[in-house]
PDB file of N, CA and C in Angstrom:
ATOM      1  N   MET A   1     -63.955 -88.205  47.312  1.00  0.00           N
ATOM      2  CA  MET A   1     -62.645 -88.763  47.608  1.00  0.00           C
ATOM      3  C   MET A   1     -62.958 -90.039  49.526  1.00  0.00           C
ATOM      4  N   ASN A   2     -63.880 -91.145  49.589  1.00  0.00           N
ATOM      5  CA  ASN A   2     -64.258 -91.267  51.183  1.00  0.00           C
ATOM      6  C   ASN A   2     -63.520 -92.024  52.036  1.00  0.00           C
ATOM      7  N   THR A   3     -63.045 -91.131  52.817  1.00  0.00           N
ATOM      8  CA  THR A   3     -61.901 -91.945  53.242  1.00  0.00           C
ATOM      9  C   THR A   3     -63.004 -92.057  55.111  1.00  0.00           C
ATOM     10  N   THR A   4     -61.952 -93.197  55.594  1.00  0.00           N
ATOM     11  CA  THR A   4     -62.512 -93.286  57.112  1.00  0.00           C
ATOM     12  C   THR A   4     -62.739 -92.299  57.532  1.00  0.00           C
ATOM     13  N   LEU A   5     -61.912 -91.155  58.088  1.00  0.00           N
ATOM     14  CA  LEU A   5     -62.335 -90.472  58.900  1.00  0.00           C
ATOM     15  C   LEU A   5     -62.833 -89.316  57.720  1.00  0.00           C
ATOM     16  N   GLY A   6     -63.271 -89.468  56.815  1.00  0.00           N
ATOM     17  CA  GLY A   6     -64.595 -88.839  56.939  1.00  0.00           C
ATOM     18  C   GLY A   6     -66.165 -89.448  56.465  1.00  0.00           C
ATOM     19  N   ILE A   7     -66.475 -90.250  56.313  1.00  0.00           N
ATOM     20  CA  ILE A   7     -67.410 -91.126  56.549  1.00  0.00           C
ATOM     21  C   ILE A   7     -67.668 -90.692  58.394  1.00  0.00           C
ATOM     22  N   ALA A   8     -66.334 -91.463  59.478  1.00  0.00           N
ATOM     23  CA  ALA A   8     -66.500 -90.890  60.615  1.00  0.00           C
ATOM     24  C   ALA A   8     -67.073 -89.539  60.594  1.00  0.00           C
ATOM     25  N   LEU A   9     -66.664 -88.674  60.166  1.00  0.00           N
ATOM     26  CA  LEU A   9     -67.466 -86.811  60.473  1.00  0.00           C
ATOM     27  C   LEU A   9     -68.967 -86.913  59.680  1.00  0.00           C
ATOM     28  N   GLN A  10     -68.959 -88.038  58.762  1.00  0.00           N
ATOM     29  CA  GLN A  10     -70.027 -87.269  58.441  1.00  0.00           C
ATOM     30  C   GLN A  10     -71.501 -88.409  59.483  1.00  0.00           C
ATOM     31  N   VAL A  11     -71.065 -89.633  59.978  1.00  0.00           N
ATOM     32  CA  VAL A  11     -72.302 -89.891  61.153  1.00  0.00           C
ATOM     33  C   VAL A  11     -72.371 -88.950  62.709  1.00  0.00           C
ATOM     34  N   ILE A  12     -70.702 -88.349  62.193  1.00  0.00           N
ATOM     35  CA  ILE A  12     -70.781 -87.740  63.956  1.00  0.00           C
ATOM     36  C   ILE A  12     -71.704 -86.451  63.502  1.00  0.00           C
ATOM     37  N   LEU A  13     -72.167 -86.170  62.551  1.00  0.00           N
ATOM     38  CA  LEU A  13     -72.936 -84.744  61.803  1.00  0.00           C
ATOM     39  C   LEU A  13     -74.015 -85.053  61.853  1.00  0.00           C
ATOM     40  N   ILE A  14     -74.333 -86.145  60.948  1.00  0.00           N
ATOM     41  CA  ILE A  14     -75.955 -86.293  61.221  1.00  0.00           C
ATOM     42  C   ILE A  14     -76.444 -86.596  62.230  1.00  0.00           C
ATOM     43  N   ILE A  15     -75.255 -87.359  63.865  1.00  0.00           N
ATOM     44  CA  ILE A  15     -75.865 -87.380  65.708  1.00  0.00           C
ATOM     45  C   ILE A  15     -75.908 -86.059  65.956  1.00  0.00           C
ATOM     46  N   ILE A  16     -75.364 -85.121  65.169  1.00  0.00           N
ATOM     47  CA  ILE A  16     -74.856 -84.518  66.153  1.00  0.00           C
ATOM     48  C   ILE A  16     -76.048 -83.062  65.783  1.00  0.00           C
ATOM     49  N   SER A  17     -76.998 -83.506  64.349  1.00  0.00           N
ATOM     50  CA  SER A  17     -77.726 -82.764  63.181  1.00  0.00           C
ATOM     51  C   SER A  17     -78.824 -83.027  64.161  1.00  0.00           C
ATOM     52  N   VAL A  18     -79.459 -84.325  64.874  1.00  0.00           N
ATOM     53  CA  VAL A  18     -80.575 -85.052  65.333  1.00  0.00           C
ATOM     54  C   VAL A  18     -80.493 -84.119  66.495  1.00  0.00           C
ATOM     55  N   ALA A  19     -79.928 -84.393  67.066  1.00  0.00           N
ATOM     56  CA  ALA A  19     -79.443 -83.778  68.494  1.00  0.00           C
ATOM     57  C   ALA A  19     -80.087 -82.271  68.508  1.00  0.00           C
ATOM     58  N   LEU A  20     -79.054 -81.618  67.734  1.00  0.00           N
ATOM     59  CA  LEU A  20     -80.075 -80.318  68.223  1.00  0.00           C
ATOM     60  C   LEU A  20     -80.804 -79.457  67.386  1.00  0.00           C
ATOM     61  N   VAL A  21     -81.859 -80.749  66.649  1.00  0.00           N
ATOM     62  CA  VAL A  21     -83.073 -80.609  66.284  1.00  0.00           C
ATOM     63  C   VAL A  21     -84.300 -80.847  66.912  1.00  0.00           C
ATOM     64  N   THR A  22     -83.602 -81.917  68.060  1.00  0.00           N
ATOM     65  CA  THR A  22     -84.533 -82.574  69.145  1.00  0.00           C
ATOM     66  C   THR A  22     -84.493 -81.185  70.183  1.00  0.00           C
ATOM     67  N   THR A  23     -83.535 -80.718  70.168  1.00  0.00           N
ATOM     68  CA  THR A  23     -82.879 -79.546  71.449  1.00  0.00           C
ATOM     69  C   THR A  23     -83.913 -78.055  71.379  1.00  0.00           C
ATOM     70  N   ILE A  24     -84.557 -78.165  69.895  1.00  0.00           N
ATOM     71  CA  ILE A  24     -85.038 -76.986  69.576  1.00  0.00           C
ATOM     72  C   ILE A  24     -86.462 -77.466  69.573  1.00  0.00           C
ATOM     73  N   ILE A  25     -86.563 -78.591  69.327  1.00  0.00           N
ATOM     74  CA  ILE A  25     -87.614 -78.569  69.903  1.00  0.00           C
ATOM     75  C   ILE A  25     -88.795 -79.147  70.716  1.00  0.00           C
ATOM     76  N   LEU A  26     -87.657 -79.795  71.307  1.00  0.00           N
ATOM     77  CA  LEU A  26     -87.152 -78.921  73.095  1.00  0.00           C
ATOM     78  C   LEU A  26     -87.871 -78.050  73.821  1.00  0.00           C
ATOM     79  N   GLN A  27     -87.661 -76.796  73.169  1.00  0.00           N
ATOM     80  CA  GLN A  27     -86.989 -75.700  74.407  1.00  0.00           C
ATOM     81  C   GLN A  27     -88.467 -75.206  73.606  1.00  0.00           C
ATOM     82  N   SER A  28     -89.179 -75.503  72.183  1.00  0.00           N
ATOM     83  CA  SER A  28     -90.121 -74.847  71.531  1.00  0.00           C
ATOM     84  C   SER A  28     -91.302 -74.840  72.147  1.00  0.00           C
ATOM     85  N   LYS A  29     -91.354 -76.506  72.618  1.00  0.00           N
ATOM     86  CA  LYS A  29     -92.260 -76.608  72.721  1.00  0.00           C
ATOM     87  C   LYS A  29     -93.462 -76.463  74.442  1.00  0.00           C
ATOM     88  N   GLY A  30     -91.969 -75.575  75.107  1.00  0.00           N
ATOM     89  CA  GLY A  30     -92.851 -75.191  76.379  1.00  0.00           C
ATOM     90  C   GLY A  30     -93.389 -73.689  75.542  1.00  0.00           C
ATOM     91  N   SER A  31     -93.721 -73.436  74.758  1.00  0.00           N
ATOM     92  CA  SER A  31     -93.294 -72.163  74.563  1.00  0.00           C
ATOM     93  C   SER A  31     -94.868 -71.689  74.371  1.00  0.00           C
ATOM     94  N   GLY A  32     -95.799 -72.603  73.420  1.00  0.00           N
ATOM     95  CA  GLY A  32     -96.864 -72.952  72.958  1.00  0.00           C
ATOM     96  C   GLY A  32     -96.885 -72.502  71.150  1.00  0.00           C
ATOM     97  N   ILE A  33     -97.456 -72.868  70.688  1.00  0.00           N
ATOM     98  CA  ILE A  33     -98.139 -72.551  69.418  1.00  0.00           C
ATOM     99  C   ILE A  33     -97.602 -71.133  69.090  1.00  0.00           C
ATOM    100  N   GLY A  34     -98.455 -70.314  69.217  1.00  0.00           N
ATOM    101  CA  GLY A  34     -98.020 -68.651  69.120  1.00  0.00           C
ATOM    102  C   GLY A  34     -97.193 -68.301  68.615  1.00  0.00           C
ATOM    103  N   SER A  35     -95.574 -68.344  70.068  1.00  0.00           N
ATOM    104  CA  SER A  35     -94.290 -68.438  69.783  1.00  0.00           C
ATOM    105  C   SER A  35     -94.112 -68.750  68.881  1.00  0.00           C
ATOM    106  N   LEU A  36     -94.268 -70.597  67.893  1.00  0.00           N
ATOM    107  CA  LEU A  36     -93.492 -71.459  67.028  1.00  0.00           C
ATOM    108  C   LEU A  36     -93.863 -70.290  65.498  1.00  0.00           C
ATOM    109  N   LEU A  37     -95.066 -69.670  65.580  1.00  0.00           N
ATOM    110  CA  LEU A  37     -95.521 -68.936  64.976  1.00  0.00           C
ATOM    111  C   LEU A  37     -94.576 -67.624  63.999  1.00  0.00           C
ATOM    112  N   GLY A  38     -94.254 -66.904  65.175  1.00  0.00           N
ATOM    113  CA  GLY A  38     -93.715 -65.929  65.035  1.00  0.00           C
ATOM    114  C   GLY A  38     -94.342 -64.864  66.080  1.00  0.00           C
ATOM    115  N   GLY A  39     -95.803 -65.197  66.388  1.00  0.00           N
ATOM    116  CA  GLY A  39     -96.190 -64.377  68.274  1.00  0.00           C
ATOM    117  C   GLY A  39     -95.516 -64.624  69.233  1.00  0.00           C
ATOM    118  N   SER A  40     -94.813 -63.775  70.062  1.00  0.00           N
ATOM    119  CA  SER A  40     -93.902 -64.019  71.240  1.00  0.00           C
ATOM    120  C   SER A  40     -94.287 -62.603  72.474  1.00  0.00           C
ATOM    121  N   ASP A  41     -94.092 -63.252  72.890  1.00  0.00           N
ATOM    122  CA  ASP A  41     -93.956 -62.181  74.336  1.00  0.00           C
ATOM    123  C   ASP A  41     -93.624 -61.592  74.088  1.00  0.00           C
ATOM    124  N   ALA A  42     -92.403 -61.222  73.898  1.00  0.00           N
ATOM    125  CA  ALA A  42     -91.138 -59.793  73.443  1.00  0.00           C
ATOM    126  C   ALA A  42     -92.058 -58.740  72.915  1.00  0.00           C
ATOM    127  N   SER A  43     -92.996 -59.212  71.926  1.00  0.00           N
ATOM    128  CA  SER A  43     -93.246 -57.700  71.070  1.00  0.00           C
ATOM    129  C   SER A  43     -94.169 -57.271  72.419  1.00  0.00           C
ATOM    130  N   LEU A  44     -94.526 -57.449  73.355  1.00  0.00           N
ATOM    131  CA  LEU A  44     -95.351 -56.854  74.446  1.00  0.00           C
ATOM    132  C   LEU A  44     -94.864 -56.367  75.594  1.00  0.00           C
ATOM    133  N   GLY A  45     -93.428 -56.186  75.117  1.00  0.00           N
ATOM    134  CA  GLY A  45     -92.830 -55.893  76.322  1.00  0.00           C
ATOM    135  C   GLY A  45     -92.415 -56.821  77.108  1.00  0.00           C
ATOM    136  N   ILE A  46     -92.848 -58.111  77.612  1.00  0.00           N
ATOM    137  CA  ILE A  46     -92.651 -59.383  78.503  1.00  0.00           C
ATOM    138  C   ILE A  46     -90.925 -59.973  78.204  1.00  0.00           C
ATOM    139  N   THR A  47     -90.244 -59.816  79.154  1.00  0.00           N
ATOM    140  CA  THR A  47     -89.368 -60.853  79.399  1.00  0.00           C
ATOM    141  C   THR A  47     -89.238 -61.681  80.435  1.00  0.00           C
ATOM    142  N   LYS A  48     -88.424 -62.653  80.192  1.00  0.00           N
ATOM    143  CA  LYS A  48     -88.596 -63.720  81.195  1.00  0.00           C
ATOM    144  C   LYS A  48     -87.253 -64.213  81.238  1.00  0.00           C
ATOM    145  N   THR A  49     -86.874 -64.728  82.496  1.00  0.00           N
ATOM    146  CA  THR A  49     -85.403 -64.767  82.597  1.00  0.00           C
ATOM    147  C   THR A  49     -85.462 -66.928  82.943  1.00  0.00           C
ATOM    148  N   ARG A  50     -84.679 -67.376  81.715  1.00  0.00           N
ATOM    149  CA  ARG A  50     -83.980 -69.384  81.575  1.00  0.00           C
ATOM    150  C   ARG A  50     -83.150 -69.592  83.089  1.00  0.00           C
ATOM    151  N   ARG A  51     -84.604 -69.884  83.562  1.00  0.00           N
ATOM    152  CA  ARG A  51     -84.608 -71.535  84.861  1.00  0.00           C
ATOM    153  C   ARG A  51     -84.493 -72.539  84.445  1.00  0.00           C
ATOM    154  N   GLY A  52     -82.949 -72.996  85.569  1.00  0.00           N
ATOM    155  CA  GLY A  52     -83.658 -75.283  85.297  1.00  0.00           C
ATOM    156  C   GLY A  52     -83.262 -75.056  84.029  1.00  0.00           C
ATOM    157  N   VAL A  53     -83.962 -76.411  83.122  1.00  0.00           N
ATOM    158  CA  VAL A  53     -84.279 -76.898  82.713  1.00  0.00           C
ATOM    159  C   VAL A  53     -84.268 -76.417  81.412  1.00  0.00           C
ATOM    160  N   GLU A  54     -84.524 -75.210  81.220  1.00  0.00           N
ATOM    161  CA  GLU A  54     -84.770 -74.649  80.381  1.00  0.00           C
ATOM    162  C   GLU A  54     -83.486 -73.842  80.328  1.00  0.00           C
ATOM    163  N   LYS A  55     -82.569 -73.242  80.818  1.00  0.00           N
ATOM    164  CA  LYS A  55     -81.852 -72.827  81.112  1.00  0.00           C
ATOM    165  C   LYS A  55     -80.447 -74.131  80.250  1.00  0.00           C
ATOM    166  N   THR A  56     -80.829 -75.236  80.800  1.00  0.00           N
ATOM    167  CA  THR A  56     -80.097 -76.134  80.525  1.00  0.00           C
ATOM    168  C   THR A  56     -79.970 -76.501  79.097  1.00  0.00           C
ATOM    169  N   LEU A  57     -80.806 -76.596  78.496  1.00  0.00           N
ATOM    170  CA  LEU A  57     -81.469 -77.218  76.927  1.00  0.00           C
ATOM    171  C   LEU A  57     -81.168 -75.746  75.989  1.00  0.00           C
ATOM    172  N   PHE A  58     -80.822 -74.706  76.443  1.00  0.00           N
ATOM    173  CA  PHE A  58     -80.131 -73.335  75.489  1.00  0.00           C
ATOM    174  C   PHE A  58     -78.711 -73.676  76.160  1.00  0.00           C
ATOM    175  N   GLN A  59     -77.813 -74.272  76.643  1.00  0.00           N
ATOM    176  CA  GLN A  59     -76.444 -73.990  76.590  1.00  0.00           C
ATOM    177  C   GLN A  59     -76.324 -75.611  75.501  1.00  0.00           C
ATOM    178  N   ILE A  60     -77.128 -76.518  76.166  1.00  0.00           N
ATOM    179  CA  ILE A  60     -76.740 -77.457  75.596  1.00  0.00           C
ATOM    180  C   ILE A  60     -77.050 -77.514  73.979  1.00  0.00           C
ATOM    181  N   THR A  61     -77.750 -76.418  73.464  1.00  0.00           N
ATOM    182  CA  THR A  61     -78.300 -75.973  71.754  1.00  0.00           C
ATOM    183  C   THR A  61     -77.135 -75.249  71.485  1.00  0.00           C
ATOM    184  N   ILE A  62     -76.253 -74.165  72.378  1.00  0.00           N
ATOM    185  CA  ILE A  62     -75.239 -73.701  71.819  1.00  0.00           C
ATOM    186  C   ILE A  62     -74.392 -74.492  71.764  1.00  0.00           C
ATOM    187  N   ILE A  63     -73.952 -75.232  72.588  1.00  0.00           N
ATOM    188  CA  ILE A  63     -72.602 -76.171  72.167  1.00  0.00           C
ATOM    189  C   ILE A  63     -73.502 -77.195  71.395  1.00  0.00           C
ATOM    190  N   LEU A  64     -73.818 -77.846  71.115  1.00  0.00           N
ATOM    191  CA  LEU A  64     -74.405 -78.865  69.431  1.00  0.00           C
ATOM    192  C   LEU A  64     -74.009 -78.063  68.595  1.00  0.00           C
ATOM    193  N   SER A  65     -74.682 -76.607  67.992  1.00  0.00           N
ATOM    194  CA  SER A  65     -74.445 -75.802  67.396  1.00  0.00           C
ATOM    195  C   SER A  65     -73.057 -75.271  67.029  1.00  0.00           C
ATOM    196  N   ALA A  66     -72.182 -75.140  67.897  1.00  0.00           N
ATOM    197  CA  ALA A  66     -71.118 -74.739  67.972  1.00  0.00           C
ATOM    198  C   ALA A  66     -70.113 -76.309  67.076  1.00  0.00           C
ATOM    199  N   ALA A  67     -70.643 -77.286  67.632  1.00  0.00           N
ATOM    200  CA  ALA A  67     -70.088 -78.658  67.049  1.00  0.00           C
ATOM    201  C   ALA A  67     -70.329 -79.017  65.340  1.00  0.00           C
ATOM    202  N   PHE A  68     -71.692 -79.183  65.998  1.00  0.00           N
ATOM    203  CA  PHE A  68     -71.857 -78.862  64.589  1.00  0.00           C
ATOM    204  C   PHE A  68     -71.747 -78.148  63.099  1.00  0.00           C
ATOM    205  N   LEU A  69     -71.233 -76.875  63.392  1.00  0.00           N
ATOM    206  CA  LEU A  69     -70.209 -75.535  62.568  1.00  0.00           C
ATOM    207  C   LEU A  69     -68.787 -76.144  62.514  1.00  0.00           C
ATOM    208  N   THR A  70     -68.129 -76.917  63.903  1.00  0.00           N
ATOM    209  CA  THR A  70     -66.668 -77.292  63.733  1.00  0.00           C
ATOM    210  C   THR A  70     -66.923 -78.423  63.214  1.00  0.00           C
ATOM    211  N   THR A  71     -67.917 -79.671  63.115  1.00  0.00           N
ATOM    212  CA  THR A  71     -67.867 -80.764  62.175  1.00  0.00           C
ATOM    213  C   THR A  71     -67.793 -80.381  60.758  1.00  0.00           C
ATOM    214  N   ALA A  72     -68.913 -79.230  60.708  1.00  0.00           N
ATOM    215  CA  ALA A  72     -69.164 -79.500  59.030  1.00  0.00           C
ATOM    216  C   ALA A  72     -67.747 -78.792  58.675  1.00  0.00           C
ATOM    217  N   ILE A  73     -67.203 -78.290  59.182  1.00  0.00           N
ATOM    218  CA  ILE A  73     -65.308 -76.889  58.325  1.00  0.00           C
ATOM    219  C   ILE A  73     -65.042 -78.418  58.536  1.00  0.00           C
ATOM    220  N   LEU A  74     -64.655 -78.911  59.471  1.00  0.00           N
ATOM    221  CA  LEU A  74     -63.871 -80.359  59.502  1.00  0.00           C
ATOM    222  C   LEU A  74     -64.321 -80.880  57.718  1.00  0.00           C
ATOM    223  N   LEU A  75     -65.322 -81.651  58.057  1.00  0.00           N
ATOM    224  CA  LEU A  75     -66.027 -82.707  56.825  1.00  0.00           C
ATOM    225  C   LEU A  75     -65.476 -82.412  55.467  1.00  0.00           C
ATOM    226  N   LEU A  76     -65.264 -80.783  55.524  1.00  0.00           N
ATOM    227  CA  LEU A  76     -64.956 -79.764  54.136  1.00  0.00           C
ATOM    228  C   LEU A  76     -63.900 -80.047  54.157  1.00  0.00           C
ATOM    229  N   MET A  77     -62.783 -79.978  54.844  1.00  0.00           N
ATOM    230  CA  MET A  77     -61.732 -80.247  55.001  1.00  0.00           C
ATOM    231  C   MET A  77     -61.285 -80.908  54.530  1.00  0.00           C
ATOM    232  N   VAL A  78     -61.923 -82.343  55.198  1.00  0.00           N
ATOM    233  CA  VAL A  78     -61.243 -83.857  54.547  1.00  0.00           C
ATOM    234  C   VAL A  78     -61.533 -84.263  53.155  1.00  0.00           C
ATOM    235  N   GLN A  79     -62.589 -83.619  52.798  1.00  0.00           N
ATOM    236  CA  GLN A  79     -62.764 -84.481  51.198  1.00  0.00           C
ATOM    237  C   GLN A  79     -62.588 -83.344  50.704  1.00  0.00           C
ATOM    238  N   ARG A  80     -61.244 -82.296  50.459  1.00  0.00           N
ATOM    239  CA  ARG A  80     -60.757 -81.520  49.785  1.00  0.00           C
ATOM    240  C   ARG A  80     -59.526 -81.892  49.217  1.00  0.00           C
TER     241      ARG A  80
END
């Protein structure tokens, strides 16, 4: 059953998913190809603090993840 609300939620879900993928790619862009494939500084005992743009991207990723989950649950409820 495709209602107007269901279609709107699907469009919102697609927009959020594209934004979420974009923020994740932007975060990993500065990390280098080694950390993308599983190697990281954490295995060497080196830690670093998120600051500036990196911290903002991290917070946006958390918000988008929560919005994605909420929208997906709402869409599931509407389609039932």
